[in-house]
Amino acid sequence: MSKIGVFGGTLNPVHLGHINLITEAKRSFNLDHVLIVPAFQSPHKTELPVSEAHRLKMIELATKDLSFTSIDDYELKNKGKSYTYHTIRFLKEKYKDDELYFIMGEDQFTAFDRWYRYEDLLDMVHFIVLKRSTNDLKITAPFLTAEVPIFEVSSSEIRKRILNDDYYNHFVHKDVYHYIEEHGLYE
């Protein structure tokens, strides 16, 4: 039986904060593998992300040196709003003999009670909440938790900086930066 992490989100664009969370979850919980599941569209956001083809390519570039990761395009293929409940049901069927661990940050944890069928999710998958060491947020069972180094960045901040022709290259993998520039994304 393998321990498989599941990391989701629109990843629009994927940034070093995402990579930090994925790597710290693997390290802290001895995960064998981490699946990255980009959402077609978050149910909590109205803004449409750039195309799935662009986001997939940027995720590939950002994780090319992380041999313990792979991408699952289940949510992209299904189109529409992506709900974790449906994704976990699909992954539990696909990985019947493995344990699934959903990786989330503090922001997702504090909104967890607004997730679609969140109570059912608690019976289906382990939840890992990665928290910043400067926060007093109380996280209790059944949620697993570990403190991670602070890496303050968000995809929305990156998109804003691109629009303002401001520096953002230090927030993303160098190949993701070149890809964004080459394709004129988020301008």
N, C-alpha and C. Protein backbone atom coordinates (compact mmCIF):
# COMPACT_ATOMS: atom_id res chain seq x y z
N MET A 1 0.84 -1.18 0.00
CA MET A 1 0.00 0.00 0.00
C MET A 1 0.88 1.24 0.00
N SER A 2 0.57 2.14 -0.90
CA SER A 2 1.32 3.40 -1.01
C SER A 2 0.54 4.53 -0.36
N LYS A 3 1.28 5.52 0.09
CA LYS A 3 0.69 6.75 0.62
C LYS A 3 0.78 7.80 -0.49
N ILE A 4 -0.39 8.18 -1.02
CA ILE A 4 -0.44 9.09 -2.16
C ILE A 4 -1.03 10.43 -1.72
N GLY A 5 -0.26 11.49 -1.91
CA GLY A 5 -0.76 12.83 -1.67
C GLY A 5 -1.54 13.32 -2.86
N VAL A 6 -2.55 14.13 -2.61
CA VAL A 6 -3.36 14.74 -3.67
C VAL A 6 -3.31 16.25 -3.44
N PHE A 7 -2.83 16.97 -4.44
CA PHE A 7 -2.72 18.42 -4.36
C PHE A 7 -3.51 19.03 -5.50
N GLY A 8 -4.53 19.82 -5.17
CA GLY A 8 -5.37 20.40 -6.20
C GLY A 8 -5.37 21.91 -6.17
N GLY A 9 -6.07 22.48 -7.12
CA GLY A 9 -6.20 23.93 -7.23
C GLY A 9 -6.16 24.35 -8.68
N THR A 10 -6.49 25.61 -8.94
CA THR A 10 -6.46 26.07 -10.33
C THR A 10 -5.02 26.23 -10.82
N LEU A 11 -4.10 26.51 -9.90
CA LEU A 11 -2.67 26.62 -10.25
C LEU A 11 -2.51 27.55 -11.46
N ASN A 12 -2.96 28.77 -11.28
CA ASN A 12 -3.11 29.71 -12.38
C ASN A 12 -2.35 31.02 -12.14
N PRO A 13 -0.99 31.01 -12.19
CA PRO A 13 -0.11 29.90 -12.55
C PRO A 13 0.41 29.16 -11.31
N VAL A 14 0.99 27.99 -11.58
CA VAL A 14 1.68 27.25 -10.52
C VAL A 14 2.89 28.07 -10.11
N HIS A 15 3.17 28.14 -8.80
CA HIS A 15 4.29 28.94 -8.32
C HIS A 15 5.10 28.18 -7.29
N LEU A 16 6.17 28.79 -6.83
CA LEU A 16 7.08 28.12 -5.90
C LEU A 16 6.43 27.84 -4.55
N GLY A 17 5.42 28.59 -4.18
CA GLY A 17 4.68 28.29 -2.96
C GLY A 17 3.97 26.94 -3.07
N HIS A 18 3.39 26.65 -4.24
CA HIS A 18 2.77 25.35 -4.48
C HIS A 18 3.82 24.24 -4.38
N ILE A 19 4.95 24.46 -5.01
CA ILE A 19 6.03 23.44 -5.00
C ILE A 19 6.52 23.22 -3.58
N ASN A 20 6.61 24.29 -2.81
CA ASN A 20 7.01 24.18 -1.42
C ASN A 20 6.03 23.30 -0.64
N LEU A 21 4.72 23.53 -0.79
CA LEU A 21 3.72 22.74 -0.09
C LEU A 21 3.79 21.26 -0.48
N ILE A 22 3.91 20.99 -1.76
CA ILE A 22 3.98 19.61 -2.24
C ILE A 22 5.20 18.90 -1.64
N THR A 23 6.34 19.56 -1.69
CA THR A 23 7.58 18.97 -1.20
C THR A 23 7.56 18.79 0.31
N GLU A 24 7.06 19.78 1.05
CA GLU A 24 7.00 19.67 2.50
C GLU A 24 6.01 18.59 2.94
N ALA A 25 4.91 18.42 2.22
CA ALA A 25 3.96 17.35 2.54
C ALA A 25 4.60 15.99 2.34
N LYS A 26 5.32 15.83 1.24
CA LYS A 26 5.99 14.55 0.99
C LYS A 26 6.99 14.26 2.09
N ARG A 27 7.77 15.26 2.45
CA ARG A 27 8.80 15.10 3.47
C ARG A 27 8.20 14.85 4.85
N SER A 28 7.23 15.63 5.24
CA SER A 28 6.66 15.56 6.59
C SER A 28 5.83 14.31 6.84
N PHE A 29 5.20 13.78 5.81
CA PHE A 29 4.30 12.64 6.00
C PHE A 29 4.76 11.38 5.26
N ASN A 30 6.00 11.41 4.80
CA ASN A 30 6.59 10.24 4.14
C ASN A 30 5.69 9.70 3.03
N LEU A 31 5.19 10.61 2.20
CA LEU A 31 4.34 10.20 1.09
C LEU A 31 5.19 9.54 0.01
N ASP A 32 4.63 8.52 -0.61
CA ASP A 32 5.34 7.83 -1.70
C ASP A 32 5.24 8.59 -3.01
N HIS A 33 4.12 9.28 -3.18
CA HIS A 33 3.86 9.95 -4.45
C HIS A 33 2.90 11.11 -4.20
N VAL A 34 2.95 12.13 -5.05
CA VAL A 34 1.98 13.22 -4.97
C VAL A 34 1.37 13.43 -6.35
N LEU A 35 0.05 13.33 -6.40
CA LEU A 35 -0.71 13.63 -7.62
C LEU A 35 -1.09 15.10 -7.60
N ILE A 36 -0.83 15.78 -8.69
CA ILE A 36 -1.23 17.17 -8.83
C ILE A 36 -2.47 17.17 -9.73
N VAL A 37 -3.57 17.70 -9.20
CA VAL A 37 -4.85 17.66 -9.91
C VAL A 37 -5.33 19.09 -10.16
N PRO A 38 -4.98 19.65 -11.32
CA PRO A 38 -5.44 21.01 -11.61
C PRO A 38 -6.95 21.05 -11.83
N ALA A 39 -7.59 22.04 -11.22
CA ALA A 39 -9.04 22.23 -11.36
C ALA A 39 -9.34 22.90 -12.69
N PHE A 40 -10.45 22.51 -13.30
CA PHE A 40 -10.90 23.24 -14.48
C PHE A 40 -11.31 24.64 -14.06
N GLN A 41 -12.17 24.71 -13.02
CA GLN A 41 -12.53 25.98 -12.41
C GLN A 41 -12.89 25.72 -10.96
N SER A 42 -12.34 26.52 -10.09
CA SER A 42 -12.65 26.42 -8.67
C SER A 42 -14.10 26.82 -8.42
N PRO A 43 -14.82 26.06 -7.57
CA PRO A 43 -16.18 26.46 -7.25
C PRO A 43 -16.24 27.74 -6.42
N HIS A 44 -15.12 28.16 -5.87
CA HIS A 44 -15.08 29.35 -5.02
C HIS A 44 -14.55 30.59 -5.74
N LYS A 45 -14.29 30.47 -7.05
CA LYS A 45 -13.76 31.61 -7.80
C LYS A 45 -14.60 31.82 -9.05
N THR A 46 -14.77 33.08 -9.44
CA THR A 46 -15.55 33.37 -10.63
C THR A 46 -14.66 33.59 -11.85
N GLU A 47 -13.43 34.01 -11.62
CA GLU A 47 -12.50 34.29 -12.72
C GLU A 47 -12.08 32.97 -13.39
N LEU A 48 -12.15 32.95 -14.71
CA LEU A 48 -11.72 31.76 -15.45
C LEU A 48 -10.21 31.78 -15.61
N PRO A 49 -9.55 30.64 -15.35
CA PRO A 49 -8.10 30.58 -15.51
C PRO A 49 -7.70 30.51 -16.98
N VAL A 50 -6.39 30.66 -17.24
CA VAL A 50 -5.92 30.46 -18.62
C VAL A 50 -6.22 29.02 -19.02
N SER A 51 -6.04 28.73 -20.27
CA SER A 51 -6.42 27.41 -20.79
C SER A 51 -5.76 26.27 -20.03
N GLU A 52 -6.46 25.15 -20.04
CA GLU A 52 -5.90 23.97 -19.36
C GLU A 52 -4.59 23.52 -19.99
N ALA A 53 -4.44 23.70 -21.30
CA ALA A 53 -3.19 23.31 -21.96
C ALA A 53 -2.01 24.11 -21.41
N HIS A 54 -2.20 25.42 -21.24
CA HIS A 54 -1.13 26.26 -20.68
C HIS A 54 -0.83 25.86 -19.23
N ARG A 55 -1.87 25.65 -18.44
CA ARG A 55 -1.65 25.31 -17.04
C ARG A 55 -0.96 23.95 -16.90
N LEU A 56 -1.37 22.98 -17.71
CA LEU A 56 -0.71 21.67 -17.67
C LEU A 56 0.78 21.79 -18.01
N LYS A 57 1.08 22.56 -19.05
CA LYS A 57 2.48 22.73 -19.45
C LYS A 57 3.29 23.40 -18.34
N MET A 58 2.71 24.42 -17.70
CA MET A 58 3.44 25.10 -16.62
C MET A 58 3.67 24.16 -15.43
N ILE A 59 2.69 23.32 -15.12
CA ILE A 59 2.85 22.35 -14.03
C ILE A 59 3.95 21.35 -14.39
N GLU A 60 3.94 20.88 -15.62
CA GLU A 60 5.01 19.96 -16.08
C GLU A 60 6.38 20.60 -15.90
N LEU A 61 6.51 21.86 -16.32
CA LEU A 61 7.79 22.56 -16.21
C LEU A 61 8.21 22.75 -14.75
N ALA A 62 7.26 23.10 -13.90
CA ALA A 62 7.56 23.39 -12.50
C ALA A 62 7.92 22.14 -11.71
N THR A 63 7.44 20.98 -12.15
CA THR A 63 7.66 19.74 -11.39
C THR A 63 8.59 18.75 -12.08
N LYS A 64 9.22 19.18 -13.14
CA LYS A 64 10.04 18.24 -13.92
C LYS A 64 11.18 17.61 -13.11
N ASP A 65 11.63 18.29 -12.06
CA ASP A 65 12.71 17.75 -11.24
C ASP A 65 12.20 17.04 -9.98
N LEU A 66 10.90 16.92 -9.83
CA LEU A 66 10.31 16.26 -8.67
C LEU A 66 9.80 14.88 -9.10
N SER A 67 10.67 13.89 -8.98
CA SER A 67 10.34 12.55 -9.48
C SER A 67 9.17 11.90 -8.76
N PHE A 68 8.78 12.41 -7.62
CA PHE A 68 7.69 11.82 -6.83
C PHE A 68 6.32 12.41 -7.20
N THR A 69 6.25 13.23 -8.25
CA THR A 69 4.98 13.84 -8.64
C THR A 69 4.51 13.36 -10.01
N SER A 70 3.21 13.44 -10.21
CA SER A 70 2.62 13.26 -11.54
C SER A 70 1.35 14.11 -11.58
N ILE A 71 0.84 14.31 -12.77
CA ILE A 71 -0.34 15.14 -12.98
C ILE A 71 -1.51 14.24 -13.34
N ASP A 72 -2.66 14.48 -12.73
CA ASP A 72 -3.89 13.77 -13.10
C ASP A 72 -4.86 14.83 -13.63
N ASP A 73 -5.32 14.67 -14.85
CA ASP A 73 -6.16 15.68 -15.49
C ASP A 73 -7.66 15.40 -15.38
N TYR A 74 -8.04 14.62 -14.39
CA TYR A 74 -9.45 14.25 -14.19
C TYR A 74 -10.37 15.48 -14.18
N GLU A 75 -10.05 16.48 -13.39
CA GLU A 75 -10.92 17.66 -13.28
C GLU A 75 -10.92 18.48 -14.57
N LEU A 76 -9.81 18.51 -15.26
CA LEU A 76 -9.76 19.25 -16.53
C LEU A 76 -10.65 18.58 -17.58
N LYS A 77 -10.63 17.27 -17.61
CA LYS A 77 -11.43 16.53 -18.59
C LYS A 77 -12.93 16.68 -18.33
N ASN A 78 -13.30 16.83 -17.07
CA ASN A 78 -14.71 16.92 -16.72
C ASN A 78 -15.31 18.30 -16.93
N LYS A 79 -14.44 19.29 -17.18
CA LYS A 79 -14.91 20.67 -17.40
C LYS A 79 -15.75 21.14 -16.21
N GLY A 80 -16.27 22.32 -16.29
CA GLY A 80 -17.12 22.84 -15.23
C GLY A 80 -16.40 23.06 -13.91
N LYS A 81 -17.19 23.33 -12.86
CA LYS A 81 -16.61 23.54 -11.53
C LYS A 81 -16.10 22.22 -10.98
N SER A 82 -14.94 22.29 -10.34
CA SER A 82 -14.29 21.10 -9.81
C SER A 82 -14.56 20.98 -8.32
N TYR A 83 -15.15 19.86 -7.93
CA TYR A 83 -15.42 19.61 -6.53
C TYR A 83 -14.53 18.47 -6.03
N THR A 84 -13.88 18.69 -4.92
CA THR A 84 -12.96 17.71 -4.34
C THR A 84 -13.66 16.38 -4.09
N TYR A 85 -14.91 16.43 -3.69
CA TYR A 85 -15.66 15.20 -3.40
C TYR A 85 -15.64 14.25 -4.61
N HIS A 86 -15.97 14.78 -5.79
CA HIS A 86 -16.01 13.94 -7.00
C HIS A 86 -14.61 13.43 -7.36
N THR A 87 -13.62 14.28 -7.21
CA THR A 87 -12.25 13.88 -7.53
C THR A 87 -11.77 12.78 -6.60
N ILE A 88 -12.03 12.91 -5.31
CA ILE A 88 -11.60 11.88 -4.36
C ILE A 88 -12.32 10.57 -4.62
N ARG A 89 -13.61 10.62 -4.95
CA ARG A 89 -14.33 9.38 -5.30
C ARG A 89 -13.65 8.69 -6.48
N PHE A 90 -13.30 9.46 -7.51
CA PHE A 90 -12.62 8.92 -8.68
C PHE A 90 -11.26 8.32 -8.30
N LEU A 91 -10.47 9.07 -7.52
CA LEU A 91 -9.13 8.61 -7.16
C LEU A 91 -9.17 7.39 -6.24
N LYS A 92 -10.16 7.31 -5.36
CA LYS A 92 -10.28 6.14 -4.49
C LYS A 92 -10.55 4.88 -5.32
N GLU A 93 -11.29 5.03 -6.38
CA GLU A 93 -11.54 3.89 -7.27
C GLU A 93 -10.28 3.53 -8.06
N LYS A 94 -9.58 4.53 -8.51
CA LYS A 94 -8.37 4.33 -9.31
C LYS A 94 -7.22 3.75 -8.48
N TYR A 95 -7.12 4.17 -7.22
CA TYR A 95 -6.03 3.73 -6.33
C TYR A 95 -6.62 2.96 -5.14
N LYS A 96 -7.33 1.89 -5.45
CA LYS A 96 -8.07 1.12 -4.44
C LYS A 96 -7.20 0.63 -3.28
N ASP A 97 -5.99 0.27 -3.56
CA ASP A 97 -5.13 -0.34 -2.54
C ASP A 97 -4.23 0.66 -1.84
N ASP A 98 -4.43 1.93 -2.09
CA ASP A 98 -3.54 2.94 -1.54
C ASP A 98 -4.30 3.88 -0.59
N GLU A 99 -3.55 4.56 0.26
CA GLU A 99 -4.11 5.57 1.16
C GLU A 99 -3.94 6.94 0.50
N LEU A 100 -5.02 7.73 0.49
CA LEU A 100 -4.97 9.06 -0.10
C LEU A 100 -4.90 10.12 1.00
N TYR A 101 -4.05 11.13 0.75
CA TYR A 101 -3.85 12.24 1.68
C TYR A 101 -4.04 13.54 0.90
N PHE A 102 -5.11 14.27 1.20
CA PHE A 102 -5.36 15.53 0.50
C PHE A 102 -4.55 16.62 1.18
N ILE A 103 -3.74 17.33 0.40
CA ILE A 103 -2.83 18.36 0.91
C ILE A 103 -3.49 19.73 0.74
N MET A 104 -3.55 20.48 1.83
CA MET A 104 -4.14 21.82 1.75
C MET A 104 -3.35 22.79 2.62
N GLY A 105 -3.51 24.06 2.29
CA GLY A 105 -2.93 25.11 3.10
C GLY A 105 -3.95 25.62 4.10
N GLU A 106 -3.52 26.54 4.94
CA GLU A 106 -4.39 27.11 5.97
C GLU A 106 -5.64 27.75 5.39
N ASP A 107 -5.49 28.45 4.26
CA ASP A 107 -6.63 29.15 3.68
C ASP A 107 -7.75 28.17 3.31
N GLN A 108 -7.39 27.02 2.77
CA GLN A 108 -8.40 26.01 2.43
C GLN A 108 -9.01 25.41 3.70
N PHE A 109 -8.19 25.20 4.71
CA PHE A 109 -8.67 24.62 5.96
C PHE A 109 -9.72 25.52 6.62
N THR A 110 -9.47 26.81 6.66
CA THR A 110 -10.41 27.72 7.33
C THR A 110 -11.74 27.82 6.59
N ALA A 111 -11.79 27.44 5.32
CA ALA A 111 -13.03 27.46 4.54
C ALA A 111 -13.60 26.06 4.33
N PHE A 112 -13.03 25.06 4.99
CA PHE A 112 -13.39 23.66 4.73
C PHE A 112 -14.87 23.38 4.95
N ASP A 113 -15.49 24.01 5.90
CA ASP A 113 -16.91 23.74 6.19
C ASP A 113 -17.83 24.27 5.09
N ARG A 114 -17.30 24.96 4.10
CA ARG A 114 -18.08 25.42 2.95
C ARG A 114 -17.88 24.54 1.71
N TRP A 115 -17.03 23.52 1.83
CA TRP A 115 -16.78 22.62 0.71
C TRP A 115 -18.00 21.72 0.48
N TYR A 116 -18.20 21.37 -0.77
CA TYR A 116 -19.26 20.45 -1.15
C TYR A 116 -19.03 19.09 -0.49
N ARG A 117 -20.00 18.64 0.28
CA ARG A 117 -19.99 17.33 0.96
C ARG A 117 -18.73 17.14 1.82
N TYR A 118 -18.36 18.17 2.54
CA TYR A 118 -17.13 18.12 3.34
C TYR A 118 -17.17 17.04 4.42
N GLU A 119 -18.35 16.78 4.98
CA GLU A 119 -18.43 15.74 6.02
C GLU A 119 -18.15 14.36 5.43
N ASP A 120 -18.64 14.11 4.23
CA ASP A 120 -18.36 12.83 3.56
C ASP A 120 -16.87 12.71 3.24
N LEU A 121 -16.26 13.82 2.86
CA LEU A 121 -14.83 13.80 2.54
C LEU A 121 -13.98 13.34 3.72
N LEU A 122 -14.39 13.71 4.92
CA LEU A 122 -13.63 13.32 6.11
C LEU A 122 -13.56 11.81 6.28
N ASP A 123 -14.55 11.09 5.75
CA ASP A 123 -14.56 9.63 5.82
C ASP A 123 -13.83 8.97 4.65
N MET A 124 -13.49 9.76 3.65
CA MET A 124 -12.93 9.19 2.42
C MET A 124 -11.42 9.33 2.29
N VAL A 125 -10.85 10.35 2.92
CA VAL A 125 -9.44 10.68 2.67
C VAL A 125 -8.85 11.30 3.92
N HIS A 126 -7.55 11.14 4.10
CA HIS A 126 -6.84 11.85 5.17
C HIS A 126 -6.58 13.28 4.69
N PHE A 127 -6.62 14.23 5.60
CA PHE A 127 -6.35 15.61 5.24
C PHE A 127 -5.09 16.09 5.94
N ILE A 128 -4.19 16.66 5.15
CA ILE A 128 -2.96 17.26 5.65
C ILE A 128 -3.11 18.77 5.52
N VAL A 129 -2.96 19.47 6.64
CA VAL A 129 -3.00 20.93 6.62
C VAL A 129 -1.59 21.42 6.92
N LEU A 130 -1.01 22.11 5.97
CA LEU A 130 0.33 22.67 6.16
C LEU A 130 0.17 24.11 6.61
N LYS A 131 0.68 24.38 7.79
CA LYS A 131 0.49 25.71 8.37
C LYS A 131 1.80 26.44 8.52
N ARG A 132 1.66 27.75 8.52
CA ARG A 132 2.82 28.61 8.73
C ARG A 132 3.12 28.67 10.21
N SER A 133 4.37 28.67 10.53
CA SER A 133 4.77 28.64 11.93
C SER A 133 4.42 29.91 12.69
N THR A 134 4.07 30.98 12.00
CA THR A 134 3.74 32.24 12.68
C THR A 134 2.26 32.37 13.01
N ASN A 135 1.46 31.38 12.64
CA ASN A 135 0.03 31.46 12.84
C ASN A 135 -0.39 30.62 14.05
N ASP A 136 -1.34 31.12 14.84
CA ASP A 136 -1.84 30.41 16.01
C ASP A 136 -3.06 29.55 15.70
N LEU A 137 -3.34 29.32 14.45
CA LEU A 137 -4.49 28.53 14.04
C LEU A 137 -4.45 27.15 14.68
N LYS A 138 -5.54 26.75 15.31
CA LYS A 138 -5.63 25.43 15.96
C LYS A 138 -6.17 24.41 14.96
N ILE A 139 -5.40 23.37 14.74
CA ILE A 139 -5.80 22.31 13.84
C ILE A 139 -5.79 21.01 14.65
N THR A 140 -6.94 20.34 14.69
CA THR A 140 -7.07 19.13 15.49
C THR A 140 -7.53 17.96 14.63
N ALA A 141 -7.49 16.76 15.20
CA ALA A 141 -7.93 15.54 14.52
C ALA A 141 -9.36 15.74 14.02
N PRO A 142 -9.70 15.22 12.87
CA PRO A 142 -8.95 14.23 12.11
C PRO A 142 -7.91 14.81 11.17
N PHE A 143 -7.71 16.12 11.19
CA PHE A 143 -6.74 16.75 10.30
C PHE A 143 -5.33 16.52 10.81
N LEU A 144 -4.44 16.15 9.91
CA LEU A 144 -3.02 16.02 10.21
C LEU A 144 -2.38 17.37 9.91
N THR A 145 -1.34 17.71 10.62
CA THR A 145 -0.74 19.02 10.37
C THR A 145 0.77 18.98 10.55
N ALA A 146 1.41 19.88 9.86
CA ALA A 146 2.85 20.10 10.00
C ALA A 146 3.11 21.57 9.71
N GLU A 147 4.12 22.10 10.37
CA GLU A 147 4.51 23.49 10.09
C GLU A 147 5.49 23.48 8.93
N VAL A 148 5.36 24.49 8.08
CA VAL A 148 6.23 24.60 6.91
C VAL A 148 6.85 25.99 6.88
N PRO A 149 7.99 26.12 6.23
CA PRO A 149 8.58 27.45 6.08
C PRO A 149 7.63 28.37 5.32
N ILE A 150 7.63 29.61 5.72
CA ILE A 150 6.75 30.59 5.09
C ILE A 150 7.26 30.92 3.69
N PHE A 151 6.34 30.87 2.74
CA PHE A 151 6.65 31.26 1.36
C PHE A 151 5.45 32.06 0.88
N GLU A 152 5.50 33.35 1.12
CA GLU A 152 4.37 34.22 0.80
C GLU A 152 4.31 34.53 -0.69
N VAL A 153 3.34 33.94 -1.36
CA VAL A 153 3.10 34.22 -2.77
C VAL A 153 1.72 33.67 -3.10
N SER A 154 1.07 34.28 -4.07
CA SER A 154 -0.21 33.76 -4.54
C SER A 154 -0.27 33.92 -6.06
N SER A 155 -1.06 33.08 -6.67
CA SER A 155 -1.23 33.18 -8.12
C SER A 155 -1.85 34.52 -8.50
N SER A 156 -2.79 35.01 -7.69
CA SER A 156 -3.41 36.29 -8.01
C SER A 156 -2.40 37.44 -7.93
N GLU A 157 -1.48 37.37 -6.98
CA GLU A 157 -0.43 38.40 -6.88
C GLU A 157 0.47 38.34 -8.13
N ILE A 158 0.79 37.15 -8.57
CA ILE A 158 1.63 37.00 -9.77
C ILE A 158 0.91 37.58 -10.99
N ARG A 159 -0.37 37.25 -11.15
CA ARG A 159 -1.13 37.79 -12.29
C ARG A 159 -1.19 39.31 -12.24
N LYS A 160 -1.37 39.85 -11.05
CA LYS A 160 -1.41 41.32 -10.88
C LYS A 160 -0.07 41.94 -11.27
N ARG A 161 1.01 41.32 -10.84
CA ARG A 161 2.34 41.85 -11.18
C ARG A 161 2.59 41.80 -12.69
N ILE A 162 2.14 40.74 -13.32
CA ILE A 162 2.32 40.64 -14.78
C ILE A 162 1.55 41.77 -15.46
N LEU A 163 0.32 42.01 -15.03
CA LEU A 163 -0.48 43.10 -15.60
C LEU A 163 0.18 44.45 -15.42
N ASN A 164 0.87 44.63 -14.30
CA ASN A 164 1.53 45.90 -14.00
C ASN A 164 2.98 45.93 -14.46
N ASP A 165 3.38 44.93 -15.24
CA ASP A 165 4.75 44.84 -15.74
C ASP A 165 5.76 44.96 -14.59
N ASP A 166 5.49 44.22 -13.53
CA ASP A 166 6.31 44.24 -12.32
C ASP A 166 7.04 42.89 -12.19
N TYR A 167 8.04 42.84 -11.36
CA TYR A 167 8.83 41.62 -11.17
C TYR A 167 7.99 40.50 -10.55
N TYR A 168 8.11 39.31 -11.12
CA TYR A 168 7.45 38.13 -10.57
C TYR A 168 8.29 36.87 -10.77
N ASN A 169 9.39 37.00 -11.49
CA ASN A 169 10.17 35.82 -11.86
C ASN A 169 10.72 35.06 -10.65
N HIS A 170 10.86 35.70 -9.51
CA HIS A 170 11.37 35.03 -8.32
C HIS A 170 10.29 34.20 -7.61
N PHE A 171 9.05 34.26 -8.10
CA PHE A 171 7.95 33.51 -7.51
C PHE A 171 7.64 32.21 -8.24
N VAL A 172 8.20 32.04 -9.43
CA VAL A 172 7.90 30.86 -10.25
C VAL A 172 9.20 30.18 -10.70
N HIS A 173 9.08 28.92 -11.05
CA HIS A 173 10.21 28.18 -11.63
C HIS A 173 10.67 28.94 -12.87
N LYS A 174 11.96 28.96 -13.12
CA LYS A 174 12.49 29.75 -14.25
C LYS A 174 11.87 29.33 -15.58
N ASP A 175 11.58 28.04 -15.77
CA ASP A 175 10.97 27.59 -17.01
C ASP A 175 9.51 28.04 -17.13
N VAL A 176 8.83 28.14 -15.99
CA VAL A 176 7.46 28.66 -16.00
C VAL A 176 7.49 30.15 -16.36
N TYR A 177 8.45 30.88 -15.81
CA TYR A 177 8.61 32.30 -16.15
C TYR A 177 8.79 32.47 -17.66
N HIS A 178 9.70 31.70 -18.25
CA HIS A 178 9.96 31.81 -19.69
C HIS A 178 8.72 31.42 -20.50
N TYR A 179 7.98 30.42 -20.02
CA TYR A 179 6.77 29.99 -20.72
C TYR A 179 5.72 31.11 -20.70
N ILE A 180 5.51 31.72 -19.54
CA ILE A 180 4.54 32.82 -19.42
C ILE A 180 4.93 33.96 -20.35
N GLU A 181 6.21 34.32 -20.34
CA GLU A 181 6.68 35.42 -21.19
C GLU A 181 6.55 35.08 -22.68
N GLU A 182 6.93 33.87 -23.04
CA GLU A 182 6.89 33.44 -24.44
C GLU A 182 5.46 33.45 -25.00
N HIS A 183 4.48 33.08 -24.16
CA HIS A 183 3.11 32.98 -24.62
C HIS A 183 2.26 34.19 -24.26
N GLY A 184 2.86 35.19 -23.61
CA GLY A 184 2.13 36.40 -23.28
C GLY A 184 0.93 36.16 -22.37
N LEU A 185 1.08 35.23 -21.43
CA LEU A 185 -0.03 34.88 -20.56
C LEU A 185 -0.26 35.97 -19.50
N TYR A 186 -1.49 36.13 -19.13
CA TYR A 186 -1.94 37.03 -18.06
C TYR A 186 -1.73 38.52 -18.35
N GLU A 187 -1.49 38.87 -19.60
CA GLU A 187 -1.30 40.28 -19.92
C GLU A 187 -2.63 40.98 -20.20
